[in-house]
Amino acid sequence: MAKGTLYNKVWDAHVVDQLPTGQTQLFIGLHLIHEVTSPQAFDMVAEKGLKVAYPNRTFATVDHIVPTKSQARPFQDHEAEQMMGAIEKNVKKFGIPFFDFKSGNQGIVHIIGPEMGLTQPGMTIACGDSHTSTHGAFGTLAFGIGTTQVRDVLATQCLGLDALKVRRVNVNGKLKPGVTAKDVTLTIIQKLGVKGGIGYAYEYGGSVFDAMTMEERMTVCNMAIEGGARAGYVNPDQTTFDYLKGRKYAPTADKWDKAVAYWKSVASDKDAVYDDVVDFNGGDIEPVVTWGITPDQSVGVNDRLPEIGRFPADEVKTVELAYRHMDLKPGAPIKGTPIDVAFIGSCTNGRLSDLREAAKVARGRKVAKTVRAFVVPGSQQVKAAAEKEGLDRIFTEAGFEWRAAGCSMCLAMNPDKLSGREISASSSNRNFIGRQGSKDGRTMLMSPAMVAAAAIEGKVADVRELMK
């Protein structure tokens, strides 16, 4: 049993009661909502004649269904317009702060929480979106929840949750040039599997994480859920505190020292006990590309696709389906696989640092004529900052489309979709069949810089060769 970990400390500090089901009733410090999973939840609250328990702990934005080409209202998609209307009505009715298009702070929910300073160490956080684990980068326990649980948090500010085991995931050493946080998280998932984290919270640590920026840590924690973990987090440190200082909702100067003292206290003790410990050598990690239909089906960019006989018997059917769907062959190189679409964005890799890395590759080059490529900033703040640096011009001169903020082709609940059998190089988080809007479409996950390299070459390429 884990002891002395951040998970244990934050969990214990938020326990309200033990439920008859055996679950723990946990108080939720911050509730983030968006337009897709909240309408039915608000309806259920209203039907019972209830109010939102803590509207000051609830914050709303719009991201999943919003178009990224033109955001003029009404939206052409009737269902998307209905969802927009519903959240506008509900935030007004219940007095919830709302980051809409007019605010200048609209964006993907897991990007705006941190950039607004809402996400802070020691918190419990919930959102009706599976990638809420992103916020664990700040030393929080952050849980993706379903619509009925969104209802529960709106009405009570509590959740019924099962306690988790804690696995420490150490990545030590130093990453080589061209290797990014996306490659780190894809490598962890590849080695531990998409079911490896079931029943666990992942605590990420080691010298590689110590050296990471907050945006890099967010990328890894974002995909903890893809490895089956219920949550993923990094212990707060000076990097965390420097990131938060001065942000809109961060503690003010007169409360700062007290807040930092508390944040330091929730970090795992040096003698913390874990249920499991796994070690990786950062120097062994290469740029990674997924070849299949689950995030653990991946290889290094210069590796060949694995033979089916290498897989356990219970995985063979999924592997065979992956090869059929992707139209790839065991033993073939992943490098050189032609692409049709290049997408840079999502809550995994739509931050300013991601765009900077992709722009380094795109600068002075041209997107291949066979590729349609676009860049979608993760928030209005990211878009404005990128434009101030001239990143938008670098992308457009190279042949990328420059879009407005939104989830875009990560899940295609908006006009940004694959068509037919198109294959995409994507900086998003899931390569499931149909995930990017076409039941026959194919997705290869990689870092933003690797996506930019693929867009330029018209095929999967090793970004390190373009960096020379």
Protein backbone atom coordinates (compact mmCIF):
# COMPACT_ATOMS: atom_id res chain seq x y z
CA MET A 1 0.00 0.00 0.00
CA ALA A 2 1.32 3.42 -0.96
CA LYS A 3 2.20 5.77 1.88
CA GLY A 4 3.54 9.32 2.03
CA THR A 5 2.79 10.04 -1.62
CA LEU A 6 1.15 13.13 -3.02
CA TYR A 7 -1.75 10.90 -3.99
CA ASN A 8 -2.32 9.82 -0.39
CA LYS A 9 -1.93 13.31 1.02
CA VAL A 10 -4.31 15.03 -1.40
CA TRP A 11 -6.84 12.20 -1.25
CA ASP A 12 -6.91 12.20 2.56
CA ALA A 13 -7.27 16.00 2.69
CA HIS A 14 -10.43 15.84 0.55
CA VAL A 15 -12.26 12.88 2.09
CA VAL A 16 -15.82 13.79 3.14
CA ASP A 17 -17.19 10.36 4.02
CA GLN A 18 -17.17 6.66 3.22
CA LEU A 19 -20.18 5.67 1.13
CA PRO A 20 -22.26 2.49 1.60
CA THR A 21 -20.91 1.34 -1.78
CA GLY A 22 -17.41 1.23 -0.33
CA GLN A 23 -16.35 4.23 -2.37
CA THR A 24 -14.92 7.39 -0.85
CA GLN A 25 -16.89 10.60 -1.07
CA LEU A 26 -14.28 13.12 -2.16
CA PHE A 27 -14.64 16.89 -2.21
CA ILE A 28 -13.72 18.40 -5.59
CA GLY A 29 -11.81 21.66 -5.39
CA LEU A 30 -12.17 22.68 -9.04
CA HIS A 31 -14.81 21.64 -11.58
CA LEU A 32 -14.18 22.45 -15.24
CA ILE A 33 -17.02 22.09 -17.74
CA HIS A 34 -17.51 22.37 -21.49
CA GLU A 35 -20.37 22.26 -23.95
CA VAL A 36 -20.54 18.53 -24.70
CA THR A 37 -20.88 16.73 -21.35
CA SER A 38 -22.67 19.48 -19.41
CA PRO A 39 -26.13 20.02 -21.01
CA GLN A 40 -27.69 16.78 -19.75
CA ALA A 41 -26.02 17.23 -16.36
CA PHE A 42 -27.51 20.70 -15.97
CA ASP A 43 -30.91 19.36 -17.00
CA MET A 44 -30.72 16.67 -14.31
CA VAL A 45 -29.82 19.28 -11.68
CA ALA A 46 -32.70 21.52 -12.77
CA GLU A 47 -35.20 18.62 -12.79
CA LYS A 48 -34.50 18.05 -9.10
CA GLY A 49 -34.89 21.74 -8.32
CA LEU A 50 -31.25 22.02 -7.21
CA LYS A 51 -28.67 24.74 -7.59
CA VAL A 52 -24.99 24.46 -8.44
CA ALA A 53 -23.41 23.97 -5.02
CA TYR A 54 -20.23 25.97 -5.61
CA PRO A 55 -20.49 28.11 -8.75
CA ASN A 56 -17.27 29.86 -7.69
CA ARG A 57 -15.45 26.51 -8.02
CA THR A 58 -16.93 25.81 -11.47
CA PHE A 59 -15.56 27.27 -14.71
CA ALA A 60 -16.84 26.78 -18.24
CA THR A 61 -15.46 27.03 -21.75
CA VAL A 62 -16.27 25.76 -25.26
CA ASP A 63 -13.88 23.62 -27.25
CA HIS A 64 -15.07 20.24 -28.56
CA ILE A 65 -17.67 21.24 -31.15
CA VAL A 66 -16.48 24.71 -32.11
CA PRO A 67 -15.40 25.22 -35.74
CA THR A 68 -11.83 26.39 -36.21
CA LYS A 69 -12.23 28.04 -39.62
CA SER A 70 -15.16 30.36 -38.98
CA GLN A 71 -16.71 30.77 -35.55
CA ALA A 72 -19.54 32.99 -36.76
CA ARG A 73 -22.88 32.27 -35.12
CA PRO A 74 -25.11 30.44 -35.61
CA PHE A 75 -22.84 27.48 -36.36
CA GLN A 76 -23.65 25.60 -39.54
CA ASP A 77 -23.92 22.38 -37.52
CA HIS A 78 -27.35 22.53 -35.83
CA GLU A 79 -26.37 20.18 -32.98
CA ALA A 80 -23.24 22.19 -32.26
CA GLU A 81 -25.29 25.38 -32.15
CA GLN A 82 -27.72 23.73 -29.71
CA MET A 83 -24.85 22.76 -27.42
CA MET A 84 -23.50 26.30 -27.52
CA GLY A 85 -26.90 27.71 -26.70
CA ALA A 86 -27.30 25.28 -23.81
CA ILE A 87 -24.04 26.16 -22.10
CA GLU A 88 -24.64 29.89 -22.60
CA LYS A 89 -28.04 29.51 -20.96
CA ASN A 90 -26.78 27.36 -18.09
CA VAL A 91 -23.76 29.43 -17.09
CA LYS A 92 -26.00 32.50 -16.97
CA LYS A 93 -28.70 30.72 -14.97
CA PHE A 94 -26.32 29.29 -12.37
CA GLY A 95 -23.78 32.14 -12.20
CA ILE A 96 -20.79 30.22 -13.52
CA PRO A 97 -17.73 32.03 -14.95
CA PHE A 98 -17.59 31.40 -18.70
CA PHE A 99 -14.61 31.69 -21.03
CA ASP A 100 -16.40 32.23 -24.34
CA PHE A 101 -15.17 33.66 -27.63
CA LYS A 102 -15.64 37.26 -26.43
CA SER A 103 -13.56 36.69 -23.29
CA GLY A 104 -10.22 36.30 -25.05
CA ASN A 105 -9.66 33.26 -22.83
CA GLN A 106 -11.62 30.58 -24.71
CA GLY A 107 -9.86 27.38 -25.52
CA ILE A 108 -9.46 23.69 -24.83
CA VAL A 109 -10.48 23.11 -21.23
CA HIS A 110 -7.19 21.42 -20.24
CA ILE A 111 -5.16 24.28 -21.67
CA ILE A 112 -7.07 27.21 -20.23
CA GLY A 113 -7.21 25.78 -16.68
CA PRO A 114 -3.44 25.96 -16.26
CA GLU A 115 -2.89 29.15 -18.27
CA MET A 116 -5.49 30.98 -16.15
CA GLY A 117 -3.88 29.78 -12.92
CA LEU A 118 -6.99 27.83 -11.93
CA THR A 119 -5.05 24.55 -11.72
CA GLN A 120 -2.95 24.55 -8.55
CA PRO A 121 -1.00 21.94 -6.56
CA GLY A 122 -2.84 19.95 -3.93
CA MET A 123 -6.23 20.27 -5.63
CA THR A 124 -8.77 17.68 -6.60
CA ILE A 125 -10.07 18.48 -10.09
CA ALA A 126 -12.87 16.97 -12.16
CA CYS A 127 -14.05 17.53 -15.72
CA GLY A 128 -16.35 15.66 -18.08
CA ASP A 129 -13.45 14.75 -20.34
CA SER A 130 -11.08 11.80 -20.12
CA HIS A 131 -7.92 13.89 -20.53
CA THR A 132 -8.46 15.75 -17.27
CA SER A 133 -5.37 13.86 -16.12
CA THR A 134 -3.45 16.72 -17.82
CA HIS A 135 -3.84 18.85 -14.69
CA GLY A 136 -1.86 16.32 -12.67
CA ALA A 137 1.27 18.00 -14.04
CA PHE A 138 0.75 20.57 -11.27
CA GLY A 139 0.59 18.04 -8.45
CA THR A 140 -3.18 17.60 -8.45
CA LEU A 141 -5.48 14.60 -8.47
CA ALA A 142 -7.45 15.21 -11.64
CA PHE A 143 -10.22 12.91 -12.79
CA GLY A 144 -12.08 12.64 -16.06
CA ILE A 145 -15.74 11.88 -15.37
CA GLY A 146 -19.00 11.06 -17.17
CA THR A 147 -22.14 13.15 -17.51
CA THR A 148 -23.88 11.70 -14.44
CA GLN A 149 -20.80 12.49 -12.38
CA VAL A 150 -20.77 16.01 -13.81
CA ARG A 151 -24.29 16.25 -12.42
CA ASP A 152 -23.09 15.01 -9.03
CA VAL A 153 -20.29 17.57 -8.83
CA LEU A 154 -22.57 20.40 -9.95
CA ALA A 155 -25.10 19.50 -7.25
CA THR A 156 -22.80 18.48 -4.38
CA GLN A 157 -19.18 19.36 -5.30
CA CYS A 158 -18.36 15.74 -4.41
CA LEU A 159 -17.59 12.50 -6.22
CA GLY A 160 -17.79 8.87 -5.19
CA LEU A 161 -14.45 7.30 -6.14
CA ASP A 162 -12.52 4.10 -5.56
CA ALA A 163 -9.09 4.42 -3.98
CA LEU A 164 -6.15 3.72 -6.27
CA LYS A 165 -2.73 2.15 -5.99
CA VAL A 166 0.24 4.36 -6.86
CA ARG A 167 2.92 3.47 -9.38
CA ARG A 168 6.08 5.55 -9.53
CA VAL A 169 7.30 5.94 -13.12
CA ASN A 170 10.91 7.14 -13.16
CA VAL A 171 12.55 8.47 -16.32
CA ASN A 172 16.18 9.27 -15.65
CA GLY A 173 19.11 10.37 -17.79
CA LYS A 174 18.80 12.95 -20.54
CA LEU A 175 16.67 13.09 -23.67
CA LYS A 176 18.50 13.30 -26.98
CA PRO A 177 17.90 16.21 -29.38
CA GLY A 178 14.65 15.77 -31.29
CA VAL A 179 13.09 13.63 -28.54
CA THR A 180 10.16 15.27 -26.80
CA ALA A 181 7.69 14.79 -23.95
CA LYS A 182 5.30 13.21 -26.47
CA ASP A 183 7.90 10.56 -27.21
CA VAL A 184 8.37 9.97 -23.48
CA THR A 185 4.68 9.37 -22.85
CA LEU A 186 4.24 7.19 -25.95
CA THR A 187 7.24 5.11 -24.86
CA ILE A 188 5.82 4.62 -21.37
CA ILE A 189 2.48 3.53 -22.84
CA GLN A 190 4.21 1.23 -25.32
CA LYS A 191 6.15 -0.53 -22.56
CA LEU A 192 3.39 -0.71 -19.90
CA GLY A 193 0.43 -1.14 -22.25
CA VAL A 194 -2.95 0.54 -22.54
CA LYS A 195 -4.24 -1.59 -19.67
CA GLY A 196 -1.09 -1.46 -17.57
CA GLY A 197 -2.27 1.42 -15.43
CA ILE A 198 -5.73 0.09 -14.54
CA GLY A 199 -6.31 0.63 -10.82
CA TYR A 200 -3.34 2.99 -10.53
CA ALA A 201 -2.41 6.62 -10.31
CA TYR A 202 0.95 7.24 -12.02
CA GLU A 203 3.47 9.44 -10.23
CA TYR A 204 5.98 10.60 -12.85
CA GLY A 205 9.47 11.49 -11.67
CA GLY A 206 13.20 11.26 -12.27
CA SER A 207 15.73 13.64 -13.77
CA VAL A 208 13.92 13.87 -17.13
CA PHE A 209 10.75 15.12 -15.44
CA ASP A 210 12.75 17.42 -13.15
CA ALA A 211 14.12 19.09 -16.31
CA MET A 212 10.79 19.34 -18.11
CA THR A 213 8.81 22.55 -18.49
CA MET A 214 5.24 22.61 -17.20
CA GLU A 215 3.93 22.31 -20.75
CA GLU A 216 6.02 19.18 -21.28
CA ARG A 217 4.77 17.68 -18.02
CA MET A 218 1.21 18.40 -19.11
CA THR A 219 1.79 16.43 -22.32
CA VAL A 220 2.84 13.33 -20.38
CA CYS A 221 0.09 13.58 -17.77
CA ASN A 222 -2.47 14.18 -20.52
CA MET A 223 -1.85 10.68 -21.85
CA ALA A 224 -1.73 8.87 -18.50
CA ILE A 225 -5.31 7.87 -19.25
CA GLU A 226 -4.15 6.25 -22.51
CA GLY A 227 -2.04 3.91 -20.42
CA GLY A 228 -5.06 2.89 -18.36
CA ALA A 229 -4.18 5.00 -15.30
CA ARG A 230 -7.05 6.82 -13.57
CA ALA A 231 -4.77 9.79 -12.91
CA GLY A 232 -1.19 10.87 -13.49
CA TYR A 233 0.79 13.55 -11.70
CA VAL A 234 4.17 15.18 -11.15
CA ASN A 235 5.22 16.50 -7.76
CA PRO A 236 5.15 20.33 -7.60
CA ASP A 237 8.51 22.11 -7.56
CA GLN A 238 10.01 25.50 -8.36
CA THR A 239 9.15 25.02 -12.05
CA THR A 240 5.50 24.69 -11.02
CA PHE A 241 5.56 27.75 -8.79
CA ASP A 242 7.30 29.92 -11.40
CA TYR A 243 4.69 28.94 -14.00
CA LEU A 244 1.76 29.86 -11.75
CA LYS A 245 3.03 33.13 -10.33
CA GLY A 246 1.13 36.14 -11.62
CA ARG A 247 -1.59 34.22 -13.43
CA LYS A 248 -5.14 35.52 -13.11
CA TYR A 249 -6.46 33.02 -10.58
CA ALA A 250 -3.17 32.22 -8.85
CA PRO A 251 -2.75 33.34 -5.22
CA THR A 252 -2.05 37.05 -4.90
CA ALA A 253 1.21 38.40 -3.52
CA ASP A 254 -0.05 38.57 0.07
CA LYS A 255 -1.09 34.90 -0.06
CA TRP A 256 1.69 33.57 -2.25
CA ASP A 257 4.18 32.39 0.37
CA LYS A 258 1.49 30.56 2.33
CA ALA A 259 0.25 28.88 -0.84
CA VAL A 260 3.75 27.76 -1.85
CA ALA A 261 4.37 26.35 1.63
CA TYR A 262 1.22 24.24 1.30
CA TRP A 263 2.10 23.16 -2.23
CA LYS A 264 5.51 21.97 -1.06
CA SER A 265 3.93 20.03 1.79
CA VAL A 266 1.78 17.88 -0.51
CA ALA A 267 4.72 16.59 -2.55
CA SER A 268 5.60 12.96 -1.98
CA ASP A 269 7.96 12.36 0.92
CA LYS A 270 11.51 11.22 0.15
CA ASP A 271 10.75 7.95 1.93
CA ALA A 272 7.31 7.52 0.30
CA VAL A 273 6.24 3.93 -0.28
CA TYR A 274 4.77 2.95 -3.66
CA ASP A 275 2.75 -0.03 -4.78
CA ASP A 276 5.01 -0.37 -7.82
CA VAL A 277 8.06 1.33 -9.33
CA VAL A 278 9.07 1.28 -13.01
CA ASP A 279 12.29 2.76 -14.40
CA PHE A 280 13.10 4.10 -17.87
CA ASN A 281 16.34 5.47 -19.33
CA GLY A 282 15.57 8.73 -21.09
CA GLY A 283 18.63 8.35 -23.28
CA ASP A 284 17.14 5.24 -24.87
CA ILE A 285 13.98 7.02 -26.06
CA GLU A 286 13.65 7.82 -29.77
CA PRO A 287 11.04 9.84 -31.70
CA VAL A 288 7.96 7.60 -31.64
CA VAL A 289 5.19 6.97 -34.20
CA THR A 290 2.08 4.87 -33.63
CA TRP A 291 1.33 2.33 -36.34
CA GLY A 292 -1.92 0.79 -35.05
CA ILE A 293 -5.28 1.54 -33.48
CA THR A 294 -4.29 1.87 -29.81
CA PRO A 295 -1.72 4.27 -28.36
CA ASP A 296 0.60 1.45 -27.26
CA GLN A 297 1.00 0.18 -30.83
CA SER A 298 4.04 2.26 -31.66
CA VAL A 299 7.68 2.07 -32.72
CA GLY A 300 10.70 4.33 -32.94
CA VAL A 301 10.74 6.24 -36.21
CA ASN A 302 13.66 4.19 -37.54
CA ASP A 303 12.30 0.83 -36.39
CA ARG A 304 10.38 -1.76 -38.34
CA LEU A 305 6.82 -2.78 -37.51
CA PRO A 306 6.64 -5.71 -35.08
CA GLU A 307 5.90 -9.25 -36.18
CA ILE A 308 2.53 -10.55 -34.98
CA GLY A 309 4.23 -13.48 -33.24
CA ARG A 310 5.84 -11.07 -30.77
CA PHE A 311 2.50 -10.30 -29.14
CA PRO A 312 0.72 -12.20 -26.35
CA ALA A 313 -2.13 -14.44 -27.52
CA ASP A 314 -4.80 -12.15 -26.05
CA GLU A 315 -3.54 -9.22 -28.16
CA VAL A 316 -3.22 -10.97 -31.53
CA LYS A 317 -6.76 -10.19 -32.77
CA THR A 318 -6.32 -6.48 -32.04
CA VAL A 319 -2.91 -6.47 -33.73
CA GLU A 320 -4.27 -8.22 -36.82
CA LEU A 321 -7.16 -5.74 -36.97
CA ALA A 322 -4.69 -2.87 -36.63
CA TYR A 323 -2.60 -4.07 -39.56
CA ARG A 324 -5.70 -4.55 -41.73
CA HIS A 325 -7.15 -1.17 -40.86
CA MET A 326 -3.89 0.74 -41.27
CA ASP A 327 -2.93 -1.24 -44.40
CA LEU A 328 0.57 -1.78 -43.02
CA LYS A 329 2.68 -4.93 -42.96
CA PRO A 330 4.70 -6.50 -40.13
CA GLY A 331 8.41 -6.03 -40.71
CA ALA A 332 7.98 -2.92 -42.86
CA PRO A 333 9.65 0.36 -41.85
CA ILE A 334 7.33 3.03 -40.41
CA LYS A 335 9.58 5.74 -41.84
CA GLY A 336 8.49 6.64 -45.35
CA THR A 337 4.80 5.83 -44.82
CA PRO A 338 2.91 8.40 -46.96
CA ILE A 339 0.45 10.75 -45.23
CA ASP A 340 -2.49 12.79 -46.48
CA VAL A 341 -3.16 15.08 -43.52
CA ALA A 342 -0.98 16.77 -40.90
CA PHE A 343 -2.67 18.04 -37.74
CA ILE A 344 -0.90 20.04 -35.05
CA GLY A 345 -3.03 20.84 -32.01
CA SER A 346 -5.17 19.22 -29.24
CA CYS A 347 -5.02 19.31 -25.45
CA THR A 348 -1.91 17.13 -25.71
CA ASN A 349 0.14 19.37 -27.98
CA GLY A 350 -1.65 22.64 -28.73
CA ARG A 351 0.39 24.86 -26.42
CA LEU A 352 2.79 27.64 -27.37
CA SER A 353 5.92 25.53 -26.88
CA ASP A 354 4.46 22.84 -29.16
CA LEU A 355 3.84 25.38 -31.90
CA ARG A 356 7.34 26.79 -31.50
CA GLU A 357 8.92 23.36 -32.00
CA ALA A 358 6.80 22.66 -35.07
CA ALA A 359 7.55 26.11 -36.48
CA LYS A 360 11.31 25.44 -36.25
CA VAL A 361 10.79 22.56 -38.66
CA ALA A 362 8.40 24.44 -40.95
CA ARG A 363 10.50 27.61 -41.22
CA GLY A 364 11.72 28.15 -44.77
CA ARG A 365 10.18 24.91 -46.04
CA LYS A 366 7.01 23.94 -47.90
CA VAL A 367 4.30 21.41 -47.12
CA ALA A 368 4.26 18.59 -49.65
CA LYS A 369 1.68 19.11 -52.41
CA THR A 370 -0.04 15.84 -51.49
CA VAL A 371 -0.69 16.92 -47.88
CA ARG A 372 -3.31 19.20 -46.34
CA ALA A 373 -1.84 20.58 -43.14
CA PHE A 374 -3.23 22.79 -40.43
CA VAL A 375 -2.29 24.17 -37.03
CA VAL A 376 -4.91 24.73 -34.32
CA PRO A 377 -3.79 26.68 -31.23
CA GLY A 378 -5.14 25.29 -27.98
CA SER A 379 -6.55 28.59 -26.74
CA GLN A 380 -7.12 32.19 -27.71
CA GLN A 381 -4.18 33.14 -25.48
CA VAL A 382 -1.92 30.66 -27.26
CA LYS A 383 -3.10 31.96 -30.64
CA ALA A 384 -2.41 35.57 -29.68
CA ALA A 385 1.03 34.77 -28.27
CA ALA A 386 1.96 32.71 -31.35
CA GLU A 387 0.89 35.51 -33.66
CA LYS A 388 2.89 38.02 -31.64
CA GLU A 389 5.97 35.85 -32.25
CA GLY A 390 5.14 35.48 -35.94
CA LEU A 391 4.62 31.72 -35.75
CA ASP A 392 1.41 32.00 -37.77
CA ARG A 393 3.34 33.53 -40.67
CA ILE A 394 5.94 30.77 -40.57
CA PHE A 395 3.19 28.17 -40.81
CA THR A 396 1.14 29.89 -43.50
CA GLU A 397 4.21 30.62 -45.65
CA ALA A 398 5.05 26.93 -45.44
CA GLY A 399 1.54 25.97 -46.56
CA PHE A 400 -0.17 25.16 -43.28
CA GLU A 401 -3.62 26.57 -42.51
CA TRP A 402 -3.71 28.70 -39.34
CA ARG A 403 -6.93 28.18 -37.39
CA ALA A 404 -8.86 29.45 -34.36
CA ALA A 405 -8.72 27.69 -30.99
CA GLY A 406 -10.55 24.41 -30.44
CA CYS A 407 -10.25 20.64 -30.15
CA SER A 408 -10.42 20.31 -33.94
CA MET A 409 -9.42 16.98 -35.49
CA CYS A 410 -8.40 15.38 -32.20
CA LEU A 411 -11.91 13.91 -31.99
CA ALA A 412 -13.68 15.48 -34.99
CA MET A 413 -16.87 16.60 -33.19
CA ASN A 414 -16.62 19.62 -35.49
CA PRO A 415 -15.99 20.22 -39.21
CA ASP A 416 -12.32 19.14 -38.99
CA LYS A 417 -12.39 15.49 -40.08
CA LEU A 418 -10.54 12.91 -42.10
CA SER A 419 -12.20 11.84 -45.34
CA GLY A 420 -12.41 8.24 -46.47
CA ARG A 421 -9.12 6.33 -46.12
CA GLU A 422 -6.97 9.38 -45.48
CA ILE A 423 -4.05 8.83 -43.14
CA SER A 424 -2.99 11.57 -40.78
CA ALA A 425 0.11 12.49 -38.86
CA SER A 426 -1.43 13.85 -35.67
CA SER A 427 -0.12 15.46 -32.50
CA SER A 428 -3.28 14.41 -30.64
CA ASN A 429 -3.74 11.58 -28.13
CA ARG A 430 -5.85 8.79 -29.64
CA ASN A 431 -5.55 6.70 -32.78
CA PHE A 432 -8.77 4.70 -32.35
CA ILE A 433 -10.70 3.67 -35.44
CA GLY A 434 -13.05 6.53 -36.37
CA ARG A 435 -11.50 8.92 -33.84
CA GLN A 436 -10.71 11.60 -36.42
CA GLY A 437 -14.08 11.62 -38.13
CA SER A 438 -13.95 8.84 -40.72
CA LYS A 439 -14.62 5.18 -39.94
CA ASP A 440 -11.99 4.29 -42.54
CA GLY A 441 -9.56 7.08 -41.66
CA ARG A 442 -6.16 6.24 -40.21
CA THR A 443 -4.22 8.06 -37.51
CA MET A 444 -0.54 8.02 -36.60
CA LEU A 445 0.33 9.81 -33.37
CA MET A 446 3.64 11.67 -33.01
CA SER A 447 5.11 14.88 -31.62
CA PRO A 448 4.30 18.28 -33.17
CA ALA A 449 7.80 18.53 -34.62
CA MET A 450 7.44 15.06 -36.14
CA VAL A 451 4.06 16.06 -37.62
CA ALA A 452 5.67 19.13 -39.18
CA ALA A 453 8.44 16.95 -40.61
CA ALA A 454 5.88 14.53 -42.07
CA ALA A 455 3.94 17.43 -43.59
CA ILE A 456 7.08 18.75 -45.30
CA GLU A 457 8.24 15.34 -46.55
CA GLY A 458 4.77 14.03 -47.38
CA LYS A 459 5.57 10.90 -45.39
CA VAL A 460 6.70 9.81 -41.94
CA ALA A 461 10.16 11.29 -41.44
CA ASP A 462 12.79 11.50 -38.71
CA VAL A 463 12.64 15.11 -37.55
CA ARG A 464 16.29 14.91 -36.49
CA GLU A 465 17.31 14.75 -40.14
CA LEU A 466 15.55 18.07 -40.78
CA MET A 467 17.17 19.60 -37.70
CA LYS A 468 20.69 19.13 -39.06
